[in-house]
Amino acid sequence: MRFLVDECTGPAVACWLRNQAHQVFSVYEEARGMSDDDVLQKALDENWILITNDRDFGEKIYREGHQHRGIIFLRLEDERAAKKIETLRRLLESYAERLPNQFVVVTENRVRFAQI
């Protein structure tokens, strides 16, 4: 799969995804300081699923009506890299085929495919 990992989500997540044979664009590693609007546009134009823990993207999708190719919003109490990776591992094992073009909210205990 193709994932665009937001700057706040971090390079450890990007590295883990690469090690799982996914294509990855890491904002932290390749375009630090990129605006949220530019991140969304790049993901849309280049067919990336965005992985973020930044709540602003929900606002941009739901209130501002931005299009997307898929967003995984990590809403975790523990935002350490190891917890993000473990959460993504479980998500990909169970729901990988459902991720494109969906807004998915993921907590430590729940996966919710949000209605747009």
PDB file of N, CA and C in Angstrom:
ATOM      1  N   MET A   1       0.838  -1.173   0.000  1.00  0.00           N
ATOM      2  CA  MET A   1       0.000   0.000   0.000  1.00  0.00           C
ATOM      3  C   MET A   1       0.889   1.243   0.000  1.00  0.00           C
ATOM      4  N   ARG A   2       0.258   2.376  -0.282  1.00  0.00           N
ATOM      5  CA  ARG A   2       0.975   3.657  -0.336  1.00  0.00           C
ATOM      6  C   ARG A   2       0.504   4.531   0.829  1.00  0.00           C
ATOM      7  N   PHE A   3       1.450   4.904   1.693  1.00  0.00           N
ATOM      8  CA  PHE A   3       1.123   5.718   2.858  1.00  0.00           C
ATOM      9  C   PHE A   3       1.938   6.998   2.884  1.00  0.00           C
ATOM     10  N   LEU A   4       1.266   8.096   3.167  1.00  0.00           N
ATOM     11  CA  LEU A   4       1.920   9.365   3.437  1.00  0.00           C
ATOM     12  C   LEU A   4       1.836   9.547   4.949  1.00  0.00           C
ATOM     13  N   VAL A   5       2.979   9.546   5.600  1.00  0.00           N
ATOM     14  CA  VAL A   5       3.035   9.641   7.066  1.00  0.00           C
ATOM     15  C   VAL A   5       3.263  11.096   7.441  1.00  0.00           C
ATOM     16  N   ASP A   6       2.295  11.662   8.155  1.00  0.00           N
ATOM     17  CA  ASP A   6       2.352  13.060   8.557  1.00  0.00           C
ATOM     18  C   ASP A   6       3.550  13.312   9.475  1.00  0.00           C
ATOM     19  N   GLU A   7       3.997  14.537   9.479  1.00  0.00           N
ATOM     20  CA  GLU A   7       5.177  14.918  10.261  1.00  0.00           C
ATOM     21  C   GLU A   7       5.032  14.552  11.736  1.00  0.00           C
ATOM     22  N   CYS A   8       3.864  14.826  12.317  1.00  0.00           N
ATOM     23  CA  CYS A   8       3.669  14.570  13.749  1.00  0.00           C
ATOM     24  C   CYS A   8       3.590  13.069  14.077  1.00  0.00           C
ATOM     25  N   THR A   9       3.342  12.263  13.086  1.00  0.00           N
ATOM     26  CA  THR A   9       3.260  10.821  13.316  1.00  0.00           C
ATOM     27  C   THR A   9       4.652  10.217  13.429  1.00  0.00           C
ATOM     28  N   GLY A  10       5.607  10.789  12.738  1.00  0.00           N
ATOM     29  CA  GLY A  10       7.007  10.495  12.993  1.00  0.00           C
ATOM     30  C   GLY A  10       7.692   9.504  12.084  1.00  0.00           C
ATOM     31  N   PRO A  11       9.035   9.564  12.097  1.00  0.00           N
ATOM     32  CA  PRO A  11       9.850   8.728  11.214  1.00  0.00           C
ATOM     33  C   PRO A  11       9.875   7.250  11.600  1.00  0.00           C
ATOM     34  N   ALA A  12       9.656   6.920  12.865  1.00  0.00           N
ATOM     35  CA  ALA A  12       9.680   5.502  13.262  1.00  0.00           C
ATOM     36  C   ALA A  12       8.531   4.746  12.597  1.00  0.00           C
ATOM     37  N   VAL A  13       7.368   5.388  12.497  1.00  0.00           N
ATOM     38  CA  VAL A  13       6.221   4.769  11.837  1.00  0.00           C
ATOM     39  C   VAL A  13       6.539   4.581  10.354  1.00  0.00           C
ATOM     40  N   ALA A  14       7.109   5.599   9.725  1.00  0.00           N
ATOM     41  CA  ALA A  14       7.470   5.506   8.308  1.00  0.00           C
ATOM     42  C   ALA A  14       8.461   4.365   8.085  1.00  0.00           C
ATOM     43  N   CYS A  15       9.450   4.254   8.920  1.00  0.00           N
ATOM     44  CA  CYS A  15      10.459   3.201   8.812  1.00  0.00           C
ATOM     45  C   CYS A  15       9.811   1.819   8.956  1.00  0.00           C
ATOM     46  N   TRP A  16       8.953   1.665   9.939  1.00  0.00           N
ATOM     47  CA  TRP A  16       8.271   0.379  10.139  1.00  0.00           C
ATOM     48  C   TRP A  16       7.445   0.005   8.919  1.00  0.00           C
ATOM     49  N   LEU A  17       6.701   0.962   8.373  1.00  0.00           N
ATOM     50  CA  LEU A  17       5.882   0.680   7.190  1.00  0.00           C
ATOM     51  C   LEU A  17       6.751   0.262   6.007  1.00  0.00           C
ATOM     52  N   ARG A  18       7.882   0.927   5.819  1.00  0.00           N
ATOM     53  CA  ARG A  18       8.808   0.539   4.746  1.00  0.00           C
ATOM     54  C   ARG A  18       9.296  -0.902   4.948  1.00  0.00           C
ATOM     55  N   ASN A  19       9.587  -1.229   6.191  1.00  0.00           N
ATOM     56  CA  ASN A  19      10.052  -2.585   6.506  1.00  0.00           C
ATOM     57  C   ASN A  19       8.965  -3.637   6.260  1.00  0.00           C
ATOM     58  N   GLN A  20       7.717  -3.198   6.200  1.00  0.00           N
ATOM     59  CA  GLN A  20       6.594  -4.090   5.894  1.00  0.00           C
ATOM     60  C   GLN A  20       6.296  -4.108   4.395  1.00  0.00           C
ATOM     61  N   ALA A  21       7.180  -3.510   3.599  1.00  0.00           N
ATOM     62  CA  ALA A  21       7.104  -3.494   2.127  1.00  0.00           C
ATOM     63  C   ALA A  21       6.038  -2.548   1.568  1.00  0.00           C
ATOM     64  N   HIS A  22       5.681  -1.522   2.329  1.00  0.00           N
ATOM     65  CA  HIS A  22       4.765  -0.497   1.834  1.00  0.00           C
ATOM     66  C   HIS A  22       5.567   0.647   1.222  1.00  0.00           C
ATOM     67  N   GLN A  23       4.954   1.360   0.285  1.00  0.00           N
ATOM     68  CA  GLN A  23       5.546   2.586  -0.241  1.00  0.00           C
ATOM     69  C   GLN A  23       5.197   3.698   0.740  1.00  0.00           C
ATOM     70  N   VAL A  24       6.183   4.527   1.078  1.00  0.00           N
ATOM     71  CA  VAL A  24       5.984   5.537   2.115  1.00  0.00           C
ATOM     72  C   VAL A  24       6.599   6.863   1.698  1.00  0.00           C
ATOM     73  N   PHE A  25       5.836   7.928   1.922  1.00  0.00           N
ATOM     74  CA  PHE A  25       6.366   9.282   1.876  1.00  0.00           C
ATOM     75  C   PHE A  25       6.258   9.814   3.291  1.00  0.00           C
ATOM     76  N   SER A  26       7.371  10.185   3.890  1.00  0.00           N
ATOM     77  CA  SER A  26       7.414  10.702   5.251  1.00  0.00           C
ATOM     78  C   SER A  26       7.599  12.216   5.216  1.00  0.00           C
ATOM     79  N   VAL A  27       6.604  12.945   5.680  1.00  0.00           N
ATOM     80  CA  VAL A  27       6.717  14.404   5.725  1.00  0.00           C
ATOM     81  C   VAL A  27       7.884  14.797   6.620  1.00  0.00           C
ATOM     82  N   TYR A  28       8.042  14.110   7.740  1.00  0.00           N
ATOM     83  CA  TYR A  28       9.129  14.421   8.675  1.00  0.00           C
ATOM     84  C   TYR A  28      10.489  14.316   7.986  1.00  0.00           C
ATOM     85  N   GLU A  29      10.678  13.275   7.191  1.00  0.00           N
ATOM     86  CA  GLU A  29      11.976  13.027   6.559  1.00  0.00           C
ATOM     87  C   GLU A  29      12.173  13.780   5.248  1.00  0.00           C
ATOM     88  N   GLU A  30      11.085  14.041   4.514  1.00  0.00           N
ATOM     89  CA  GLU A  30      11.233  14.527   3.151  1.00  0.00           C
ATOM     90  C   GLU A  30      10.673  15.924   2.887  1.00  0.00           C
ATOM     91  N   ALA A  31       9.832  16.439   3.778  1.00  0.00           N
ATOM     92  CA  ALA A  31       9.216  17.750   3.514  1.00  0.00           C
ATOM     93  C   ALA A  31       8.789  18.433   4.812  1.00  0.00           C
ATOM     94  N   ARG A  32       9.679  18.417   5.787  1.00  0.00           N
ATOM     95  CA  ARG A  32       9.367  18.983   7.101  1.00  0.00           C
ATOM     96  C   ARG A  32       8.840  20.413   6.972  1.00  0.00           C
ATOM     97  N   GLY A  33       7.777  20.712   7.721  1.00  0.00           N
ATOM     98  CA  GLY A  33       7.189  22.041   7.697  1.00  0.00           C
ATOM     99  C   GLY A  33       6.100  22.218   6.648  1.00  0.00           C
ATOM    100  N   MET A  34       5.802  21.174   5.894  1.00  0.00           N
ATOM    101  CA  MET A  34       4.771  21.224   4.858  1.00  0.00           C
ATOM    102  C   MET A  34       3.420  21.550   5.507  1.00  0.00           C
ATOM    103  N   SER A  35       2.637  22.425   4.888  1.00  0.00           N
ATOM    104  CA  SER A  35       1.332  22.806   5.449  1.00  0.00           C
ATOM    105  C   SER A  35       0.344  21.639   5.352  1.00  0.00           C
ATOM    106  N   ASP A  36      -0.660  21.653   6.221  1.00  0.00           N
ATOM    107  CA  ASP A  36      -1.683  20.609   6.192  1.00  0.00           C
ATOM    108  C   ASP A  36      -2.391  20.569   4.843  1.00  0.00           C
ATOM    109  N   ASP A  37      -2.685  21.733   4.277  1.00  0.00           N
ATOM    110  CA  ASP A  37      -3.341  21.769   2.964  1.00  0.00           C
ATOM    111  C   ASP A  37      -2.466  21.114   1.895  1.00  0.00           C
ATOM    112  N   ASP A  38      -1.169  21.381   1.940  1.00  0.00           N
ATOM    113  CA  ASP A  38      -0.252  20.778   0.969  1.00  0.00           C
ATOM    114  C   ASP A  38      -0.120  19.265   1.180  1.00  0.00           C
ATOM    115  N   VAL A  39      -0.139  18.838   2.438  1.00  0.00           N
ATOM    116  CA  VAL A  39      -0.094  17.401   2.738  1.00  0.00           C
ATOM    117  C   VAL A  39      -1.323  16.722   2.130  1.00  0.00           C
ATOM    118  N   LEU A  40      -2.500  17.292   2.374  1.00  0.00           N
ATOM    119  CA  LEU A  40      -3.729  16.715   1.822  1.00  0.00           C
ATOM    120  C   LEU A  40      -3.706  16.684   0.302  1.00  0.00           C
ATOM    121  N   GLN A  41      -3.234  17.758  -0.308  1.00  0.00           N
ATOM    122  CA  GLN A  41      -3.207  17.827  -1.770  1.00  0.00           C
ATOM    123  C   GLN A  41      -2.243  16.803  -2.346  1.00  0.00           C
ATOM    124  N   LYS A  42      -1.073  16.659  -1.735  1.00  0.00           N
ATOM    125  CA  LYS A  42      -0.098  15.668  -2.200  1.00  0.00           C
ATOM    126  C   LYS A  42      -0.683  14.259  -2.089  1.00  0.00           C
ATOM    127  N   ALA A  43      -1.309  13.971  -0.968  1.00  0.00           N
ATOM    128  CA  ALA A  43      -1.909  12.648  -0.776  1.00  0.00           C
ATOM    129  C   ALA A  43      -2.989  12.385  -1.829  1.00  0.00           C
ATOM    130  N   LEU A  44      -3.801  13.386  -2.108  1.00  0.00           N
ATOM    131  CA  LEU A  44      -4.857  13.246  -3.108  1.00  0.00           C
ATOM    132  C   LEU A  44      -4.268  13.059  -4.504  1.00  0.00           C
ATOM    133  N   ASP A  45      -3.364  13.956  -4.891  1.00  0.00           N
ATOM    134  CA  ASP A  45      -2.794  13.943  -6.243  1.00  0.00           C
ATOM    135  C   ASP A  45      -1.994  12.674  -6.537  1.00  0.00           C
ATOM    136  N   GLU A  46      -1.310  12.151  -5.512  1.00  0.00           N
ATOM    137  CA  GLU A  46      -0.393  11.030  -5.727  1.00  0.00           C
ATOM    138  C   GLU A  46      -0.919   9.703  -5.183  1.00  0.00           C
ATOM    139  N   ASN A  47      -2.194   9.711  -4.768  1.00  0.00           N
ATOM    140  CA  ASN A  47      -2.871   8.497  -4.315  1.00  0.00           C
ATOM    141  C   ASN A  47      -2.203   7.843  -3.100  1.00  0.00           C
ATOM    142  N   TRP A  48      -1.953   8.649  -2.074  1.00  0.00           N
ATOM    143  CA  TRP A  48      -1.420   8.160  -0.803  1.00  0.00           C
ATOM    144  C   TRP A  48      -2.553   8.095   0.220  1.00  0.00           C
ATOM    145  N   ILE A  49      -2.502   7.125   1.125  1.00  0.00           N
ATOM    146  CA  ILE A  49      -3.363   7.117   2.315  1.00  0.00           C
ATOM    147  C   ILE A  49      -2.589   7.849   3.398  1.00  0.00           C
ATOM    148  N   LEU A  50      -3.188   8.900   3.933  1.00  0.00           N
ATOM    149  CA  LEU A  50      -2.538   9.720   4.954  1.00  0.00           C
ATOM    150  C   LEU A  50      -2.677   9.067   6.325  1.00  0.00           C
ATOM    151  N   ILE A  51      -1.580   8.987   7.051  1.00  0.00           N
ATOM    152  CA  ILE A  51      -1.588   8.543   8.445  1.00  0.00           C
ATOM    153  C   ILE A  51      -1.191   9.737   9.296  1.00  0.00           C
ATOM    154  N   THR A  52      -2.052  10.088  10.253  1.00  0.00           N
ATOM    155  CA  THR A  52      -1.801  11.266  11.077  1.00  0.00           C
ATOM    156  C   THR A  52      -2.363  11.077  12.479  1.00  0.00           C
ATOM    157  N   ASN A  53      -1.875  11.875  13.398  1.00  0.00           N
ATOM    158  CA  ASN A  53      -2.507  11.988  14.704  1.00  0.00           C
ATOM    159  C   ASN A  53      -2.855  13.454  14.969  1.00  0.00           C
ATOM    160  N   ASP A  54      -2.976  14.223  13.903  1.00  0.00           N
ATOM    161  CA  ASP A  54      -3.321  15.648  13.955  1.00  0.00           C
ATOM    162  C   ASP A  54      -4.824  15.812  13.714  1.00  0.00           C
ATOM    163  N   ARG A  55      -5.533  16.294  14.718  1.00  0.00           N
ATOM    164  CA  ARG A  55      -6.997  16.468  14.635  1.00  0.00           C
ATOM    165  C   ARG A  55      -7.416  17.445  13.544  1.00  0.00           C
ATOM    166  N   ASP A  56      -6.535  18.330  13.131  1.00  0.00           N
ATOM    167  CA  ASP A  56      -6.888  19.334  12.121  1.00  0.00           C
ATOM    168  C   ASP A  56      -7.350  18.693  10.810  1.00  0.00           C
ATOM    169  N   PHE A  57      -6.901  17.493  10.514  1.00  0.00           N
ATOM    170  CA  PHE A  57      -7.300  16.859   9.264  1.00  0.00           C
ATOM    171  C   PHE A  57      -8.776  16.462   9.270  1.00  0.00           C
ATOM    172  N   GLY A  58      -9.308  16.113  10.410  1.00  0.00           N
ATOM    173  CA  GLY A  58     -10.743  15.842  10.500  1.00  0.00           C
ATOM    174  C   GLY A  58     -11.549  17.085  10.175  1.00  0.00           C
ATOM    175  N   GLU A  59     -11.106  18.217  10.689  1.00  0.00           N
ATOM    176  CA  GLU A  59     -11.743  19.501  10.391  1.00  0.00           C
ATOM    177  C   GLU A  59     -11.694  19.793   8.891  1.00  0.00           C
ATOM    178  N   LYS A  60     -10.552  19.561   8.290  1.00  0.00           N
ATOM    179  CA  LYS A  60     -10.399  19.851   6.860  1.00  0.00           C
ATOM    180  C   LYS A  60     -11.294  18.958   6.004  1.00  0.00           C
ATOM    181  N   ILE A  61     -11.470  17.725   6.402  1.00  0.00           N
ATOM    182  CA  ILE A  61     -12.303  16.803   5.626  1.00  0.00           C
ATOM    183  C   ILE A  61     -13.788  17.084   5.871  1.00  0.00           C
ATOM    184  N   TYR A  62     -14.181  17.166   7.125  1.00  0.00           N
ATOM    185  CA  TYR A  62     -15.603  17.264   7.456  1.00  0.00           C
ATOM    186  C   TYR A  62     -16.174  18.667   7.334  1.00  0.00           C
ATOM    187  N   ARG A  63     -15.440  19.674   7.752  1.00  0.00           N
ATOM    188  CA  ARG A  63     -15.976  21.045   7.709  1.00  0.00           C
ATOM    189  C   ARG A  63     -15.647  21.772   6.418  1.00  0.00           C
ATOM    190  N   GLU A  64     -14.446  21.536   5.899  1.00  0.00           N
ATOM    191  CA  GLU A  64     -14.009  22.254   4.701  1.00  0.00           C
ATOM    192  C   GLU A  64     -14.231  21.456   3.420  1.00  0.00           C
ATOM    193  N   GLY A  65     -14.561  20.177   3.547  1.00  0.00           N
ATOM    194  CA  GLY A  65     -14.902  19.365   2.387  1.00  0.00           C
ATOM    195  C   GLY A  65     -13.751  18.948   1.489  1.00  0.00           C
ATOM    196  N   HIS A  66     -12.532  18.897   2.023  1.00  0.00           N
ATOM    197  CA  HIS A  66     -11.389  18.446   1.211  1.00  0.00           C
ATOM    198  C   HIS A  66     -11.566  16.989   0.801  1.00  0.00           C
ATOM    199  N   GLN A  67     -11.152  16.682  -0.400  1.00  0.00           N
ATOM    200  CA  GLN A  67     -11.159  15.298  -0.870  1.00  0.00           C
ATOM    201  C   GLN A  67      -9.912  14.593  -0.358  1.00  0.00           C
ATOM    202  N   HIS A  68      -9.966  13.264  -0.371  1.00  0.00           N
ATOM    203  CA  HIS A  68      -8.810  12.478   0.079  1.00  0.00           C
ATOM    204  C   HIS A  68      -8.868  11.096  -0.535  1.00  0.00           C
ATOM    205  N   ARG A  69      -7.766  10.371  -0.423  1.00  0.00           N
ATOM    206  CA  ARG A  69      -7.666   8.985  -0.907  1.00  0.00           C
ATOM    207  C   ARG A  69      -7.706   7.990   0.251  1.00  0.00           C
ATOM    208  N   GLY A  70      -7.870   8.505   1.438  1.00  0.00           N
ATOM    209  CA  GLY A  70      -7.906   7.690   2.645  1.00  0.00           C
ATOM    210  C   GLY A  70      -7.115   8.380   3.741  1.00  0.00           C
ATOM    211  N   ILE A  71      -7.688   8.378   4.937  1.00  0.00           N
ATOM    212  CA  ILE A  71      -7.005   8.970   6.092  1.00  0.00           C
ATOM    213  C   ILE A  71      -7.148   8.027   7.269  1.00  0.00           C
ATOM    214  N   ILE A  72      -6.035   7.752   7.898  1.00  0.00           N
ATOM    215  CA  ILE A  72      -6.012   6.991   9.140  1.00  0.00           C
ATOM    216  C   ILE A  72      -5.658   7.987  10.237  1.00  0.00           C
ATOM    217  N   PHE A  73      -6.628   8.259  11.100  1.00  0.00           N
ATOM    218  CA  PHE A  73      -6.421   9.195  12.209  1.00  0.00           C
ATOM    219  C   PHE A  73      -6.166   8.383  13.471  1.00  0.00           C
ATOM    220  N   LEU A  74      -4.949   8.464  13.978  1.00  0.00           N
ATOM    221  CA  LEU A  74      -4.560   7.758  15.198  1.00  0.00           C
ATOM    222  C   LEU A  74      -4.933   8.628  16.403  1.00  0.00           C
ATOM    223  N   ARG A  75      -5.942   8.227  17.096  1.00  0.00           N
ATOM    224  CA  ARG A  75      -6.419   8.972  18.269  1.00  0.00           C
ATOM    225  C   ARG A  75      -6.039   8.154  19.504  1.00  0.00           C
ATOM    226  N   LEU A  76      -4.768   8.261  19.868  1.00  0.00           N
ATOM    227  CA  LEU A  76      -4.214   7.409  20.913  1.00  0.00           C
ATOM    228  C   LEU A  76      -3.919   8.207  22.175  1.00  0.00           C
ATOM    229  N   GLU A  77      -4.128   7.584  23.307  1.00  0.00           N
ATOM    230  CA  GLU A  77      -3.754   8.213  24.584  1.00  0.00           C
ATOM    231  C   GLU A  77      -2.231   8.194  24.736  1.00  0.00           C
ATOM    232  N   ASP A  78      -1.634   7.094  24.343  1.00  0.00           N
ATOM    233  CA  ASP A  78      -0.183   6.920  24.394  1.00  0.00           C
ATOM    234  C   ASP A  78       0.344   7.138  22.975  1.00  0.00           C
ATOM    235  N   GLU A  79       1.025   8.252  22.741  1.00  0.00           N
ATOM    236  CA  GLU A  79       1.474   8.589  21.396  1.00  0.00           C
ATOM    237  C   GLU A  79       2.940   8.255  21.139  1.00  0.00           C
ATOM    238  N   ARG A  80       3.481   7.350  21.911  1.00  0.00           N
ATOM    239  CA  ARG A  80       4.840   6.886  21.635  1.00  0.00           C
ATOM    240  C   ARG A  80       4.847   6.076  20.345  1.00  0.00           C
ATOM    241  N   ALA A  81       5.972   6.082  19.662  1.00  0.00           N
ATOM    242  CA  ALA A  81       6.098   5.408  18.365  1.00  0.00           C
ATOM    243  C   ALA A  81       5.710   3.932  18.454  1.00  0.00           C
ATOM    244  N   ALA A  82       6.125   3.251  19.491  1.00  0.00           N
ATOM    245  CA  ALA A  82       5.823   1.824  19.617  1.00  0.00           C
ATOM    246  C   ALA A  82       4.325   1.577  19.657  1.00  0.00           C
ATOM    247  N   LYS A  83       3.575   2.430  20.308  1.00  0.00           N
ATOM    248  CA  LYS A  83       2.117   2.278  20.382  1.00  0.00           C
ATOM    249  C   LYS A  83       1.485   2.565  19.017  1.00  0.00           C
ATOM    250  N   LYS A  84       1.976   3.572  18.314  1.00  0.00           N
ATOM    251  CA  LYS A  84       1.460   3.868  16.972  1.00  0.00           C
ATOM    252  C   LYS A  84       1.693   2.669  16.048  1.00  0.00           C
ATOM    253  N   ILE A  85       2.874   2.108  16.114  1.00  0.00           N
ATOM    254  CA  ILE A  85       3.220   0.969  15.258  1.00  0.00           C
ATOM    255  C   ILE A  85       2.359  -0.241  15.595  1.00  0.00           C
ATOM    256  N   GLU A  86       2.200  -0.538  16.857  1.00  0.00           N
ATOM    257  CA  GLU A  86       1.365  -1.672  17.267  1.00  0.00           C
ATOM    258  C   GLU A  86      -0.075  -1.481  16.812  1.00  0.00           C
ATOM    259  N   THR A  87      -0.590  -0.275  16.943  1.00  0.00           N
ATOM    260  CA  THR A  87      -1.964   0.030  16.517  1.00  0.00           C
ATOM    261  C   THR A  87      -2.103  -0.127  15.005  1.00  0.00           C
ATOM    262  N   LEU A  88      -1.140   0.374  14.250  1.00  0.00           N
ATOM    263  CA  LEU A  88      -1.173   0.224  12.790  1.00  0.00           C
ATOM    264  C   LEU A  88      -1.030  -1.236  12.369  1.00  0.00           C
ATOM    265  N   ARG A  89      -0.213  -1.984  13.068  1.00  0.00           N
ATOM    266  CA  ARG A  89      -0.049  -3.410  12.750  1.00  0.00           C
ATOM    267  C   ARG A  89      -1.390  -4.124  12.860  1.00  0.00           C
ATOM    268  N   ARG A  90      -2.107  -3.880  13.953  1.00  0.00           N
ATOM    269  CA  ARG A  90      -3.421  -4.512  14.144  1.00  0.00           C
ATOM    270  C   ARG A  90      -4.418  -4.036  13.090  1.00  0.00           C
ATOM    271  N   LEU A  91      -4.386  -2.745  12.771  1.00  0.00           N
ATOM    272  CA  LEU A  91      -5.297  -2.192  11.769  1.00  0.00           C
ATOM    273  C   LEU A  91      -5.055  -2.846  10.404  1.00  0.00           C
ATOM    274  N   LEU A  92      -3.808  -2.924   9.992  1.00  0.00           N
ATOM    275  CA  LEU A  92      -3.477  -3.491   8.689  1.00  0.00           C
ATOM    276  C   LEU A  92      -3.786  -4.981   8.609  1.00  0.00           C
ATOM    277  N   GLU A  93      -3.590  -5.695   9.696  1.00  0.00           N
ATOM    278  CA  GLU A  93      -3.913  -7.124   9.706  1.00  0.00           C
ATOM    279  C   GLU A  93      -5.403  -7.367   9.492  1.00  0.00           C
ATOM    280  N   SER A  94      -6.236  -6.503  10.051  1.00  0.00           N
ATOM    281  CA  SER A  94      -7.679  -6.732  10.027  1.00  0.00           C
ATOM    282  C   SER A  94      -8.438  -5.966   8.953  1.00  0.00           C
ATOM    283  N   TYR A  95      -7.928  -4.797   8.539  1.00  0.00           N
ATOM    284  CA  TYR A  95      -8.741  -3.915   7.697  1.00  0.00           C
ATOM    285  C   TYR A  95      -8.028  -3.355   6.466  1.00  0.00           C
ATOM    286  N   ALA A  96      -6.897  -3.868   6.084  1.00  0.00           N
ATOM    287  CA  ALA A  96      -6.106  -3.265   4.998  1.00  0.00           C
ATOM    288  C   ALA A  96      -6.928  -3.015   3.735  1.00  0.00           C
ATOM    289  N   GLU A  97      -7.743  -3.969   3.347  1.00  0.00           N
ATOM    290  CA  GLU A  97      -8.499  -3.828   2.101  1.00  0.00           C
ATOM    291  C   GLU A  97      -9.577  -2.752   2.174  1.00  0.00           C
ATOM    292  N   ARG A  98      -9.962  -2.329   3.367  1.00  0.00           N
ATOM    293  CA  ARG A  98     -11.017  -1.320   3.525  1.00  0.00           C
ATOM    294  C   ARG A  98     -10.486   0.104   3.654  1.00  0.00           C
ATOM    295  N   LEU A  99      -9.183   0.299   3.726  1.00  0.00           N
ATOM    296  CA  LEU A  99      -8.612   1.610   4.028  1.00  0.00           C
ATOM    297  C   LEU A  99      -8.682   2.647   2.904  1.00  0.00           C
ATOM    298  N   PRO A 100      -8.510   2.270   1.639  1.00  0.00           N
ATOM    299  CA  PRO A 100      -8.546   3.306   0.599  1.00  0.00           C
ATOM    300  C   PRO A 100      -9.875   4.069   0.587  1.00  0.00           C
ATOM    301  N   ASN A 101      -9.751   5.379   0.457  1.00  0.00           N
ATOM    302  CA  ASN A 101     -10.888   6.295   0.338  1.00  0.00           C
ATOM    303  C   ASN A 101     -11.787   6.358   1.568  1.00  0.00           C
ATOM    304  N   GLN A 102     -11.287   5.922   2.702  1.00  0.00           N
ATOM    305  CA  GLN A 102     -12.055   5.969   3.950  1.00  0.00           C
ATOM    306  C   GLN A 102     -11.372   6.894   4.949  1.00  0.00           C
ATOM    307  N   PHE A 103     -12.178   7.480   5.846  1.00  0.00           N
ATOM    308  CA  PHE A 103     -11.637   8.209   6.988  1.00  0.00           C
ATOM    309  C   PHE A 103     -11.796   7.264   8.171  1.00  0.00           C
ATOM    310  N   VAL A 104     -10.671   6.795   8.700  1.00  0.00           N
ATOM    311  CA  VAL A 104     -10.676   5.780   9.739  1.00  0.00           C
ATOM    312  C   VAL A 104     -10.103   6.373  11.026  1.00  0.00           C
ATOM    313  N   VAL A 105     -10.874   6.269  12.093  1.00  0.00           N
ATOM    314  CA  VAL A 105     -10.418   6.730  13.404  1.00  0.00           C
ATOM    315  C   VAL A 105     -10.027   5.488  14.202  1.00  0.00           C
ATOM    316  N   VAL A 106      -8.781   5.482  14.682  1.00  0.00           N
ATOM    317  CA  VAL A 106      -8.258   4.307  15.372  1.00  0.00           C
ATOM    318  C   VAL A 106      -7.807   4.702  16.771  1.00  0.00           C
ATOM    319  N   THR A 107      -8.339   4.001  17.768  1.00  0.00           N
ATOM    320  CA  THR A 107      -7.887   4.172  19.149  1.00  0.00           C
ATOM    321  C   THR A 107      -7.186   2.878  19.557  1.00  0.00           C
ATOM    322  N   GLU A 108      -6.749   2.822  20.801  1.00  0.00           N
ATOM    323  CA  GLU A 108      -6.116   1.606  21.297  1.00  0.00           C
ATOM    324  C   GLU A 108      -7.068   0.415  21.236  1.00  0.00           C
ATOM    325  N   ASN A 109      -8.377   0.669  21.359  1.00  0.00           N
ATOM    326  CA  ASN A 109      -9.357  -0.413  21.480  1.00  0.00           C
ATOM    327  C   ASN A 109     -10.398  -0.472  20.381  1.00  0.00           C
ATOM    328  N   ARG A 110     -10.390   0.482  19.455  1.00  0.00           N
ATOM    329  CA  ARG A 110     -11.497   0.569  18.506  1.00  0.00           C
ATOM    330  C   ARG A 110     -11.051   1.085  17.150  1.00  0.00           C
ATOM    331  N   VAL A 111     -11.739   0.607  16.115  1.00  0.00           N
ATOM    332  CA  VAL A 111     -11.560   1.092  14.761  1.00  0.00           C
ATOM    333  C   VAL A 111     -12.934   1.557  14.281  1.00  0.00           C
ATOM    334  N   ARG A 112     -13.007   2.814  13.817  1.00  0.00           N
ATOM    335  CA  ARG A 112     -14.292   3.335  13.343  1.00  0.00           C
ATOM    336  C   ARG A 112     -14.106   3.926  11.967  1.00  0.00           C
ATOM    337  N   PHE A 113     -14.890   3.446  11.017  1.00  0.00           N
ATOM    338  CA  PHE A 113     -14.916   3.998   9.672  1.00  0.00           C
ATOM    339  C   PHE A 113     -15.961   5.103   9.684  1.00  0.00           C
ATOM    340  N   ALA A 114     -15.500   6.339   9.629  1.00  0.00           N
ATOM    341  CA  ALA A 114     -16.380   7.492   9.773  1.00  0.00           C
ATOM    342  C   ALA A 114     -17.161   7.745   8.491  1.00  0.00           C
ATOM    343  N   GLN A 115     -18.362   8.229   8.641  1.00  0.00           N
ATOM    344  CA  GLN A 115     -19.203   8.586   7.505  1.00  0.00           C
ATOM    345  C   GLN A 115     -18.926  10.017   7.108  1.00  0.00           C
ATOM    346  N   ILE A 116     -18.751  10.252   5.825  1.00  0.00           N
ATOM    347  CA  ILE A 116     -18.499  11.610   5.334  1.00  0.00           C
ATOM    348  C   ILE A 116     -19.720  12.090   4.598  1.00  0.00           C
TER     349      ILE A 116
END
